[in-house]
Amino acid sequence: MTDTAEVLMDVPGLQALLATGRHTVLLDVRWALGDPHGREHYLEGHLPGAVFVDLATELAAPAVPARGRHPLPPASEFQASARRWGINDGDVVVAYDNSGNTAAARAWWMLRSAGFPDVYLLDGGLAGWQGAGLPLESGAVDAVPGDVSFSGVGMPAIDLAAAAGWAGSGILLDARAGERYRGEFEPVDPRAGHIPGALSAPTTENLDGAGRFLPASELRRRFEDLGIREAIPVAVYCGSGVTAAHEVAALEIAGFRAALYPGSFSEWSNNPDLPVATGTAPGMPAGT
């Protein structure tokens, strides 16, 4: 079973790490659907030394219907961004936000996917730091450029074709809110509903009331109740591949390795030839 220490770092753990003097890069990844003011929030107050990461421009390529709202950027561009943030080979990186790590998980997943090993999510995020009575600083931090070189692929991902048939031999999880899965509400994508065969597993159910991840045992029980087992392939999507990374992190904490579908429903729903299911039932996977 995966050790949660590979994913999460709590506030006391971060304090202890900083006290050792090991070079640690803090990434502030504040972003939320419908709130374009992440940088302004960062400038008002952030963890001392934290660098702001612009999810829309540094953790994604420009939106195109054929690839979704937040397609992954080219590897060379992502490496250049990571160097601007001050990351060197051998550093520790801790990412956080103020929304239960639902945005910061995108940075975590991308760094892990690029083969960078020592990256963590700050459990509880900004609120957890403040709740411990620790100070914030305001203004921008300009990092000394780093020299990190990414080594390859460290996390699995799937494309649209694989997502279409995934539920036929594995489990495909939809990490969006239940009303979007059921097709009752769709604020941004061209069609409402879900990929046929997918199961509803909202990201919000990975967290407790304080925005911290549930204990590993509770997360494991949650996913086992959805039918997930060690031998069953699991993949996750959301609206645009952002909060799905949070679900992948929760699965990792629970001891399950899962693939991310980066294009997610924003890519799927832009293809009029692909079916969309509505309601509480998964529906039939495409091609069956």
C-alpha atoms as a PDB file:
ATOM      1  CA  MET A   1       0.000   0.000   0.000  1.00  0.00           C
ATOM      2  CA  THR A   2       1.332   3.453  -0.919  1.00  0.00           C
ATOM      3  CA  ASP A   3       2.760   5.481   1.964  1.00  0.00           C
ATOM      4  CA  THR A   4       0.877   8.777   2.337  1.00  0.00           C
ATOM      5  CA  ALA A   5       4.224  10.462   3.009  1.00  0.00           C
ATOM      6  CA  GLU A   6       4.803  10.211  -0.758  1.00  0.00           C
ATOM      7  CA  VAL A   7       1.908  12.609  -1.376  1.00  0.00           C
ATOM      8  CA  LEU A   8       1.266  14.788   1.662  1.00  0.00           C
ATOM      9  CA  MET A   9       3.242  16.951   4.028  1.00  0.00           C
ATOM     10  CA  ASP A  10       1.566  18.508   7.045  1.00  0.00           C
ATOM     11  CA  VAL A  11       2.385  21.915   8.480  1.00  0.00           C
ATOM     12  CA  PRO A  12       4.674  20.616  11.281  1.00  0.00           C
ATOM     13  CA  GLY A  13       6.464  18.483   8.701  1.00  0.00           C
ATOM     14  CA  LEU A  14       7.030  21.505   6.487  1.00  0.00           C
ATOM     15  CA  GLN A  15       8.317  23.542   9.424  1.00  0.00           C
ATOM     16  CA  ALA A  16      10.738  20.762  10.293  1.00  0.00           C
ATOM     17  CA  LEU A  17      11.892  20.496   6.689  1.00  0.00           C
ATOM     18  CA  LEU A  18      12.509  24.236   6.419  1.00  0.00           C
ATOM     19  CA  ALA A  19      14.471  24.127   9.675  1.00  0.00           C
ATOM     20  CA  THR A  20      16.920  21.616   8.169  1.00  0.00           C
ATOM     21  CA  GLY A  21      18.011  24.144   5.551  1.00  0.00           C
ATOM     22  CA  ARG A  22      17.422  21.754   2.653  1.00  0.00           C
ATOM     23  CA  HIS A  23      16.488  23.757  -0.414  1.00  0.00           C
ATOM     24  CA  THR A  24      12.696  23.708  -0.539  1.00  0.00           C
ATOM     25  CA  VAL A  25      10.548  25.361  -3.167  1.00  0.00           C
ATOM     26  CA  LEU A  26       7.050  26.416  -2.132  1.00  0.00           C
ATOM     27  CA  LEU A  27       4.502  26.733  -4.921  1.00  0.00           C
ATOM     28  CA  ASP A  28       1.319  28.757  -4.432  1.00  0.00           C
ATOM     29  CA  VAL A  29      -1.161  27.418  -6.994  1.00  0.00           C
ATOM     30  CA  ARG A  30      -4.283  29.391  -6.196  1.00  0.00           C
ATOM     31  CA  TRP A  31      -6.872  28.873  -8.904  1.00  0.00           C
ATOM     32  CA  ALA A  32     -10.564  28.021  -8.935  1.00  0.00           C
ATOM     33  CA  LEU A  33     -13.159  27.702 -11.671  1.00  0.00           C
ATOM     34  CA  GLY A  34     -14.811  31.113 -11.976  1.00  0.00           C
ATOM     35  CA  ASP A  35     -12.113  32.934  -9.975  1.00  0.00           C
ATOM     36  CA  PRO A  36      -9.384  34.373 -12.221  1.00  0.00           C
ATOM     37  CA  HIS A  37      -7.765  36.334  -9.382  1.00  0.00           C
ATOM     38  CA  GLY A  38      -5.299  33.773  -8.038  1.00  0.00           C
ATOM     39  CA  ARG A  39      -2.301  36.055  -8.412  1.00  0.00           C
ATOM     40  CA  GLU A  40      -4.058  38.898  -6.606  1.00  0.00           C
ATOM     41  CA  HIS A  41      -4.887  36.545  -3.720  1.00  0.00           C
ATOM     42  CA  TYR A  42      -1.248  35.444  -3.657  1.00  0.00           C
ATOM     43  CA  LEU A  43       0.051  39.009  -3.546  1.00  0.00           C
ATOM     44  CA  GLU A  44      -2.193  39.755  -0.582  1.00  0.00           C
ATOM     45  CA  GLY A  45      -0.633  36.979   1.470  1.00  0.00           C
ATOM     46  CA  HIS A  46       1.234  33.703   0.951  1.00  0.00           C
ATOM     47  CA  LEU A  47       3.631  31.383   2.746  1.00  0.00           C
ATOM     48  CA  PRO A  48       6.999  33.086   3.201  1.00  0.00           C
ATOM     49  CA  GLY A  49       9.142  32.473   0.145  1.00  0.00           C
ATOM     50  CA  ALA A  50       6.384  30.895  -1.923  1.00  0.00           C
ATOM     51  CA  VAL A  51       6.397  31.437  -5.677  1.00  0.00           C
ATOM     52  CA  PHE A  52       3.121  31.961  -7.504  1.00  0.00           C
ATOM     53  CA  VAL A  53       2.245  29.401 -10.179  1.00  0.00           C
ATOM     54  CA  ASP A  54      -0.257  30.492 -12.807  1.00  0.00           C
ATOM     55  CA  LEU A  55      -2.257  27.355 -13.521  1.00  0.00           C
ATOM     56  CA  ALA A  56      -3.798  28.677 -16.734  1.00  0.00           C
ATOM     57  CA  THR A  57      -0.486  29.618 -18.381  1.00  0.00           C
ATOM     58  CA  GLU A  58       2.182  27.516 -16.649  1.00  0.00           C
ATOM     59  CA  LEU A  59       0.342  24.259 -15.915  1.00  0.00           C
ATOM     60  CA  ALA A  60      -1.619  24.257 -19.167  1.00  0.00           C
ATOM     61  CA  ALA A  61      -1.294  25.053 -22.836  1.00  0.00           C
ATOM     62  CA  PRO A  62      -3.847  27.365 -24.487  1.00  0.00           C
ATOM     63  CA  ALA A  63      -7.345  25.921 -24.626  1.00  0.00           C
ATOM     64  CA  VAL A  64      -8.472  24.365 -27.891  1.00  0.00           C
ATOM     65  CA  PRO A  65     -11.726  22.408 -28.283  1.00  0.00           C
ATOM     66  CA  ALA A  66      -9.927  19.367 -29.678  1.00  0.00           C
ATOM     67  CA  ARG A  67      -7.754  19.081 -26.536  1.00  0.00           C
ATOM     68  CA  GLY A  68      -9.894  20.630 -23.813  1.00  0.00           C
ATOM     69  CA  ARG A  69      -9.730  23.693 -21.597  1.00  0.00           C
ATOM     70  CA  HIS A  70      -6.422  22.913 -19.887  1.00  0.00           C
ATOM     71  CA  PRO A  71      -4.327  20.693 -22.164  1.00  0.00           C
ATOM     72  CA  LEU A  72      -0.904  19.726 -20.863  1.00  0.00           C
ATOM     73  CA  PRO A  73       1.887  22.040 -22.040  1.00  0.00           C
ATOM     74  CA  PRO A  74       4.867  20.695 -23.991  1.00  0.00           C
ATOM     75  CA  ALA A  75       7.469  19.080 -21.723  1.00  0.00           C
ATOM     76  CA  SER A  76      10.083  21.687 -22.639  1.00  0.00           C
ATOM     77  CA  GLU A  77       7.785  24.553 -21.657  1.00  0.00           C
ATOM     78  CA  PHE A  78       6.902  22.923 -18.341  1.00  0.00           C
ATOM     79  CA  GLN A  79      10.577  22.380 -17.543  1.00  0.00           C
ATOM     80  CA  ALA A  80      11.252  26.048 -18.307  1.00  0.00           C
ATOM     81  CA  SER A  81       8.445  27.042 -15.929  1.00  0.00           C
ATOM     82  CA  ALA A  82       9.804  24.797 -13.182  1.00  0.00           C
ATOM     83  CA  ARG A  83      13.209  26.399 -13.565  1.00  0.00           C
ATOM     84  CA  ARG A  84      11.621  29.874 -13.275  1.00  0.00           C
ATOM     85  CA  TRP A  85      10.054  28.731 -10.008  1.00  0.00           C
ATOM     86  CA  GLY A  86      13.579  28.012  -8.727  1.00  0.00           C
ATOM     87  CA  ILE A  87      13.491  24.202  -8.797  1.00  0.00           C
ATOM     88  CA  ASN A  88      16.791  22.345  -8.979  1.00  0.00           C
ATOM     89  CA  ASP A  89      17.480  18.643  -9.202  1.00  0.00           C
ATOM     90  CA  GLY A  90      17.484  17.269  -5.662  1.00  0.00           C
ATOM     91  CA  ASP A  91      15.186  19.932  -4.208  1.00  0.00           C
ATOM     92  CA  VAL A  92      11.999  19.335  -2.286  1.00  0.00           C
ATOM     93  CA  VAL A  93       8.854  20.965  -3.671  1.00  0.00           C
ATOM     94  CA  VAL A  94       5.706  21.596  -1.618  1.00  0.00           C
ATOM     95  CA  ALA A  95       2.623  22.869  -3.433  1.00  0.00           C
ATOM     96  CA  TYR A  96      -0.481  24.356  -1.844  1.00  0.00           C
ATOM     97  CA  ASP A  97      -3.567  26.431  -2.526  1.00  0.00           C
ATOM     98  CA  ASN A  98      -6.543  27.642  -0.513  1.00  0.00           C
ATOM     99  CA  SER A  99      -9.094  25.184  -1.895  1.00  0.00           C
ATOM    100  CA  GLY A 100      -8.234  21.831  -0.395  1.00  0.00           C
ATOM    101  CA  ASN A 101      -5.336  21.324  -2.827  1.00  0.00           C
ATOM    102  CA  THR A 102      -7.764  20.860  -5.710  1.00  0.00           C
ATOM    103  CA  ALA A 103      -5.607  23.170  -7.861  1.00  0.00           C
ATOM    104  CA  ALA A 104      -2.200  22.452  -6.292  1.00  0.00           C
ATOM    105  CA  ALA A 105      -2.644  18.772  -7.146  1.00  0.00           C
ATOM    106  CA  ARG A 106      -2.209  19.700 -10.819  1.00  0.00           C
ATOM    107  CA  ALA A 107       1.340  20.899 -10.081  1.00  0.00           C
ATOM    108  CA  TRP A 108       1.972  17.814  -7.922  1.00  0.00           C
ATOM    109  CA  TRP A 109       0.820  15.486 -10.683  1.00  0.00           C
ATOM    110  CA  MET A 110       2.731  17.252 -13.445  1.00  0.00           C
ATOM    111  CA  LEU A 111       5.990  17.236 -11.485  1.00  0.00           C
ATOM    112  CA  ARG A 112       5.523  13.595 -10.541  1.00  0.00           C
ATOM    113  CA  SER A 113       4.620  12.777 -14.128  1.00  0.00           C
ATOM    114  CA  ALA A 114       7.815  14.461 -15.315  1.00  0.00           C
ATOM    115  CA  GLY A 115       9.818  12.170 -13.044  1.00  0.00           C
ATOM    116  CA  PHE A 116      10.480  14.660 -10.223  1.00  0.00           C
ATOM    117  CA  PRO A 117      10.266  12.556  -7.037  1.00  0.00           C
ATOM    118  CA  ASP A 118      10.250  14.878  -4.033  1.00  0.00           C
ATOM    119  CA  VAL A 119       7.044  16.851  -4.477  1.00  0.00           C
ATOM    120  CA  TYR A 120       4.282  17.043  -1.891  1.00  0.00           C
ATOM    121  CA  LEU A 121       0.956  18.684  -1.223  1.00  0.00           C
ATOM    122  CA  LEU A 122       0.711  20.764   1.938  1.00  0.00           C
ATOM    123  CA  ASP A 123      -2.204  19.092   3.702  1.00  0.00           C
ATOM    124  CA  GLY A 124      -4.653  21.796   4.731  1.00  0.00           C
ATOM    125  CA  GLY A 125      -3.019  24.333   2.429  1.00  0.00           C
ATOM    126  CA  LEU A 126      -2.931  28.016   3.238  1.00  0.00           C
ATOM    127  CA  ALA A 127      -5.701  27.675   5.835  1.00  0.00           C
ATOM    128  CA  GLY A 128      -3.736  24.989   7.666  1.00  0.00           C
ATOM    129  CA  TRP A 129      -0.665  27.215   7.809  1.00  0.00           C
ATOM    130  CA  GLN A 130      -2.673  30.143   9.117  1.00  0.00           C
ATOM    131  CA  GLY A 131      -4.550  27.919  11.540  1.00  0.00           C
ATOM    132  CA  ALA A 132      -1.230  26.999  13.117  1.00  0.00           C
ATOM    133  CA  GLY A 133      -0.657  30.703  13.828  1.00  0.00           C
ATOM    134  CA  LEU A 134       2.142  31.005  11.284  1.00  0.00           C
ATOM    135  CA  PRO A 135       2.813  34.237   9.388  1.00  0.00           C
ATOM    136  CA  LEU A 136       2.196  35.121   5.774  1.00  0.00           C
ATOM    137  CA  GLU A 137       4.086  37.560   3.616  1.00  0.00           C
ATOM    138  CA  SER A 138       2.744  39.781   0.865  1.00  0.00           C
ATOM    139  CA  GLY A 139       4.066  40.777  -2.512  1.00  0.00           C
ATOM    140  CA  ALA A 140       5.740  38.755  -5.231  1.00  0.00           C
ATOM    141  CA  VAL A 141       8.692  36.411  -4.747  1.00  0.00           C
ATOM    142  CA  ASP A 142      11.134  36.276  -7.649  1.00  0.00           C
ATOM    143  CA  ALA A 143      12.959  32.983  -7.403  1.00  0.00           C
ATOM    144  CA  VAL A 144      16.572  32.417  -8.337  1.00  0.00           C
ATOM    145  CA  PRO A 145      16.235  30.328 -11.506  1.00  0.00           C
ATOM    146  CA  GLY A 146      16.808  26.618 -11.052  1.00  0.00           C
ATOM    147  CA  ASP A 147      18.370  23.954 -13.233  1.00  0.00           C
ATOM    148  CA  VAL A 148      15.979  21.016 -12.894  1.00  0.00           C
ATOM    149  CA  SER A 149      16.049  18.490 -15.731  1.00  0.00           C
ATOM    150  CA  PHE A 150      13.025  16.241 -15.973  1.00  0.00           C
ATOM    151  CA  SER A 151      13.776  12.586 -16.503  1.00  0.00           C
ATOM    152  CA  GLY A 152      10.642  11.185 -18.089  1.00  0.00           C
ATOM    153  CA  VAL A 153       7.208   9.836 -17.294  1.00  0.00           C
ATOM    154  CA  GLY A 154       6.439   9.001 -13.690  1.00  0.00           C
ATOM    155  CA  MET A 155       2.625   8.908 -13.649  1.00  0.00           C
ATOM    156  CA  PRO A 156       0.241   7.205 -16.083  1.00  0.00           C
ATOM    157  CA  ALA A 157      -2.076   9.164 -18.364  1.00  0.00           C
ATOM    158  CA  ILE A 158      -4.649   8.186 -20.976  1.00  0.00           C
ATOM    159  CA  ASP A 159      -6.000   9.873 -24.078  1.00  0.00           C
ATOM    160  CA  LEU A 160      -9.510  10.203 -25.479  1.00  0.00           C
ATOM    161  CA  ALA A 161      -9.391   6.865 -27.303  1.00  0.00           C
ATOM    162  CA  ALA A 162      -8.391   5.018 -24.151  1.00  0.00           C
ATOM    163  CA  ALA A 163     -11.041   6.840 -22.103  1.00  0.00           C
ATOM    164  CA  ALA A 164     -13.727   5.731 -24.578  1.00  0.00           C
ATOM    165  CA  GLY A 165     -13.196   2.072 -23.827  1.00  0.00           C
ATOM    166  CA  TRP A 166     -11.755   2.245 -20.324  1.00  0.00           C
ATOM    167  CA  ALA A 167     -14.918   1.253 -18.449  1.00  0.00           C
ATOM    168  CA  GLY A 168     -15.098  -1.937 -20.485  1.00  0.00           C
ATOM    169  CA  SER A 169     -12.114  -3.431 -18.669  1.00  0.00           C
ATOM    170  CA  GLY A 170     -11.436  -1.060 -15.785  1.00  0.00           C
ATOM    171  CA  ILE A 171     -12.996   1.712 -13.710  1.00  0.00           C
ATOM    172  CA  LEU A 172     -13.336   5.287 -14.956  1.00  0.00           C
ATOM    173  CA  LEU A 173     -14.040   7.872 -12.262  1.00  0.00           C
ATOM    174  CA  ASP A 174     -15.667  11.260 -12.829  1.00  0.00           C
ATOM    175  CA  ALA A 175     -14.261  13.648 -10.208  1.00  0.00           C
ATOM    176  CA  ARG A 176     -16.680  16.521 -10.877  1.00  0.00           C
ATOM    177  CA  ALA A 177     -19.614  17.511  -8.680  1.00  0.00           C
ATOM    178  CA  GLY A 178     -22.531  15.111  -8.817  1.00  0.00           C
ATOM    179  CA  GLU A 179     -24.870  17.553 -10.539  1.00  0.00           C
ATOM    180  CA  ARG A 180     -22.431  17.957 -13.416  1.00  0.00           C
ATOM    181  CA  TYR A 181     -22.002  14.183 -13.705  1.00  0.00           C
ATOM    182  CA  ARG A 182     -25.773  13.739 -13.831  1.00  0.00           C
ATOM    183  CA  GLY A 183     -26.110  16.476 -16.452  1.00  0.00           C
ATOM    184  CA  GLU A 184     -28.253  18.751 -14.283  1.00  0.00           C
ATOM    185  CA  PHE A 185     -25.794  21.645 -14.504  1.00  0.00           C
ATOM    186  CA  GLU A 186     -22.907  22.426 -16.845  1.00  0.00           C
ATOM    187  CA  PRO A 187     -21.300  25.860 -16.454  1.00  0.00           C
ATOM    188  CA  VAL A 188     -18.497  25.709 -19.030  1.00  0.00           C
ATOM    189  CA  ASP A 189     -18.503  22.715 -21.355  1.00  0.00           C
ATOM    190  CA  PRO A 190     -20.666  22.383 -24.492  1.00  0.00           C
ATOM    191  CA  ARG A 191     -22.693  19.349 -23.383  1.00  0.00           C
ATOM    192  CA  ALA A 192     -23.919  18.219 -19.979  1.00  0.00           C
ATOM    193  CA  GLY A 193     -23.508  14.732 -18.565  1.00  0.00           C
ATOM    194  CA  HIS A 194     -20.643  12.253 -18.307  1.00  0.00           C
ATOM    195  CA  ILE A 195     -18.556   9.830 -20.306  1.00  0.00           C
ATOM    196  CA  PRO A 196     -20.608   6.631 -20.683  1.00  0.00           C
ATOM    197  CA  GLY A 197     -19.453   3.978 -18.248  1.00  0.00           C
ATOM    198  CA  ALA A 198     -17.919   6.427 -15.756  1.00  0.00           C
ATOM    199  CA  LEU A 199     -18.738   6.333 -12.056  1.00  0.00           C
ATOM    200  CA  SER A 200     -19.389   9.505 -10.057  1.00  0.00           C
ATOM    201  CA  ALA A 201     -16.680  10.169  -7.442  1.00  0.00           C
ATOM    202  CA  PRO A 202     -16.650  13.891  -6.554  1.00  0.00           C
ATOM    203  CA  THR A 203     -13.287  15.286  -5.511  1.00  0.00           C
ATOM    204  CA  THR A 204     -14.884  17.071  -2.553  1.00  0.00           C
ATOM    205  CA  GLU A 205     -15.472  13.701  -0.890  1.00  0.00           C
ATOM    206  CA  ASN A 206     -11.702  13.217  -0.560  1.00  0.00           C
ATOM    207  CA  LEU A 207     -11.577  15.986   2.061  1.00  0.00           C
ATOM    208  CA  ASP A 208     -12.722  16.643   5.589  1.00  0.00           C
ATOM    209  CA  GLY A 209     -14.413  19.843   6.745  1.00  0.00           C
ATOM    210  CA  ALA A 210     -11.061  21.586   7.202  1.00  0.00           C
ATOM    211  CA  GLY A 211      -9.939  20.909   3.644  1.00  0.00           C
ATOM    212  CA  ARG A 212      -7.515  18.148   4.607  1.00  0.00           C
ATOM    213  CA  PHE A 213      -7.385  14.770   2.943  1.00  0.00           C
ATOM    214  CA  LEU A 214      -9.268  12.047   4.753  1.00  0.00           C
ATOM    215  CA  PRO A 215      -7.103   9.401   6.442  1.00  0.00           C
ATOM    216  CA  ALA A 216      -5.725   6.764   4.101  1.00  0.00           C
ATOM    217  CA  SER A 217      -7.970   4.074   5.556  1.00  0.00           C
ATOM    218  CA  GLU A 218     -11.104   6.148   4.924  1.00  0.00           C
ATOM    219  CA  LEU A 219     -10.038   6.989   1.394  1.00  0.00           C
ATOM    220  CA  ARG A 220      -9.312   3.337   0.711  1.00  0.00           C
ATOM    221  CA  ARG A 221     -12.745   2.362   1.981  1.00  0.00           C
ATOM    222  CA  ARG A 222     -14.327   5.063  -0.187  1.00  0.00           C
ATOM    223  CA  PHE A 223     -12.687   3.781  -3.341  1.00  0.00           C
ATOM    224  CA  GLU A 224     -13.237   0.135  -2.501  1.00  0.00           C
ATOM    225  CA  ASP A 225     -16.941   0.931  -2.183  1.00  0.00           C
ATOM    226  CA  LEU A 226     -16.731   2.083  -5.823  1.00  0.00           C
ATOM    227  CA  GLY A 227     -15.358  -1.319  -6.776  1.00  0.00           C
ATOM    228  CA  ILE A 228     -11.692  -0.397  -6.982  1.00  0.00           C
ATOM    229  CA  ARG A 229      -9.238  -3.212  -6.284  1.00  0.00           C
ATOM    230  CA  GLU A 230      -5.492  -3.598  -6.755  1.00  0.00           C
ATOM    231  CA  ALA A 231      -5.810  -5.572 -10.004  1.00  0.00           C
ATOM    232  CA  ILE A 232      -8.396  -3.310 -11.681  1.00  0.00           C
ATOM    233  CA  PRO A 233      -7.114  -0.483 -13.921  1.00  0.00           C
ATOM    234  CA  VAL A 234      -8.376   2.918 -12.744  1.00  0.00           C
ATOM    235  CA  ALA A 235      -8.489   6.229 -14.617  1.00  0.00           C
ATOM    236  CA  VAL A 236      -9.873   9.614 -13.585  1.00  0.00           C
ATOM    237  CA  TYR A 237     -11.222  12.647 -15.413  1.00  0.00           C
ATOM    238  CA  CYS A 238     -12.951  15.881 -14.417  1.00  0.00           C
ATOM    239  CA  GLY A 239     -13.860  18.979 -16.397  1.00  0.00           C
ATOM    240  CA  SER A 240     -10.409  19.887 -17.693  1.00  0.00           C
ATOM    241  CA  GLY A 241      -7.885  17.648 -15.962  1.00  0.00           C
ATOM    242  CA  VAL A 242      -7.296  19.835 -12.882  1.00  0.00           C
ATOM    243  CA  THR A 243      -9.345  18.389 -10.012  1.00  0.00           C
ATOM    244  CA  ALA A 244      -8.907  14.913 -11.499  1.00  0.00           C
ATOM    245  CA  ALA A 245      -5.271  15.207 -10.380  1.00  0.00           C
ATOM    246  CA  HIS A 246      -6.589  15.643  -6.836  1.00  0.00           C
ATOM    247  CA  GLU A 247      -8.506  12.376  -7.203  1.00  0.00           C
ATOM    248  CA  VAL A 248      -5.344  10.677  -8.449  1.00  0.00           C
ATOM    249  CA  ALA A 249      -3.552  11.967  -5.337  1.00  0.00           C
ATOM    250  CA  ALA A 250      -6.344  10.662  -3.090  1.00  0.00           C
ATOM    251  CA  LEU A 251      -6.165   7.268  -4.791  1.00  0.00           C
ATOM    252  CA  GLU A 252      -2.399   7.266  -4.312  1.00  0.00           C
ATOM    253  CA  ILE A 253      -2.868   7.964  -0.602  1.00  0.00           C
ATOM    254  CA  ALA A 254      -5.350   5.084  -0.469  1.00  0.00           C
ATOM    255  CA  GLY A 255      -2.844   2.755  -2.083  1.00  0.00           C
ATOM    256  CA  PHE A 256      -4.143   2.718  -5.658  1.00  0.00           C
ATOM    257  CA  ARG A 257      -2.253   3.914  -8.725  1.00  0.00           C
ATOM    258  CA  ALA A 258      -4.561   5.664 -11.214  1.00  0.00           C
ATOM    259  CA  ALA A 259      -4.164   7.190 -14.648  1.00  0.00           C
ATOM    260  CA  LEU A 260      -5.228  10.754 -15.431  1.00  0.00           C
ATOM    261  CA  TYR A 261      -7.227  11.684 -18.523  1.00  0.00           C
ATOM    262  CA  PRO A 262      -5.881  15.230 -19.051  1.00  0.00           C
ATOM    263  CA  GLY A 263      -8.367  16.239 -21.765  1.00  0.00           C
ATOM    264  CA  SER A 264     -11.232  15.194 -19.515  1.00  0.00           C
ATOM    265  CA  PHE A 265     -14.864  16.115 -20.211  1.00  0.00           C
ATOM    266  CA  SER A 266     -13.962  19.420 -21.868  1.00  0.00           C
ATOM    267  CA  GLU A 267     -12.230  17.478 -24.625  1.00  0.00           C
ATOM    268  CA  TRP A 268     -14.831  14.678 -24.764  1.00  0.00           C
ATOM    269  CA  SER A 269     -17.886  16.931 -24.893  1.00  0.00           C
ATOM    270  CA  ASN A 270     -16.418  19.013 -27.717  1.00  0.00           C
ATOM    271  CA  ASN A 271     -16.501  15.978 -30.004  1.00  0.00           C
ATOM    272  CA  PRO A 272     -20.102  15.695 -31.279  1.00  0.00           C
ATOM    273  CA  ASP A 273     -19.482  12.144 -32.474  1.00  0.00           C
ATOM    274  CA  LEU A 274     -18.950  10.893 -28.929  1.00  0.00           C
ATOM    275  CA  PRO A 275     -21.893   9.894 -26.724  1.00  0.00           C
ATOM    276  CA  VAL A 276     -22.716  11.556 -23.407  1.00  0.00           C
ATOM    277  CA  ALA A 277     -24.714   9.879 -20.644  1.00  0.00           C
ATOM    278  CA  THR A 278     -26.921  11.651 -18.090  1.00  0.00           C
ATOM    279  CA  GLY A 279     -28.512  10.665 -14.812  1.00  0.00           C
ATOM    280  CA  THR A 280     -27.111   8.621 -11.945  1.00  0.00           C
ATOM    281  CA  ALA A 281     -26.386   5.458 -13.963  1.00  0.00           C
ATOM    282  CA  PRO A 282     -22.968   5.072 -15.609  1.00  0.00           C
ATOM    283  CA  GLY A 283     -24.488   4.256 -18.989  1.00  0.00           C
ATOM    284  CA  MET A 284     -22.836   2.048 -21.561  1.00  0.00           C
ATOM    285  CA  PRO A 285     -19.160   2.607 -22.415  1.00  0.00           C
ATOM    286  CA  ALA A 286     -18.553   3.917 -25.923  1.00  0.00           C
ATOM    287  CA  GLY A 287     -18.221   1.122 -28.453  1.00  0.00           C
ATOM    288  CA  THR A 288     -20.278  -1.463 -26.537  1.00  0.00           C
END
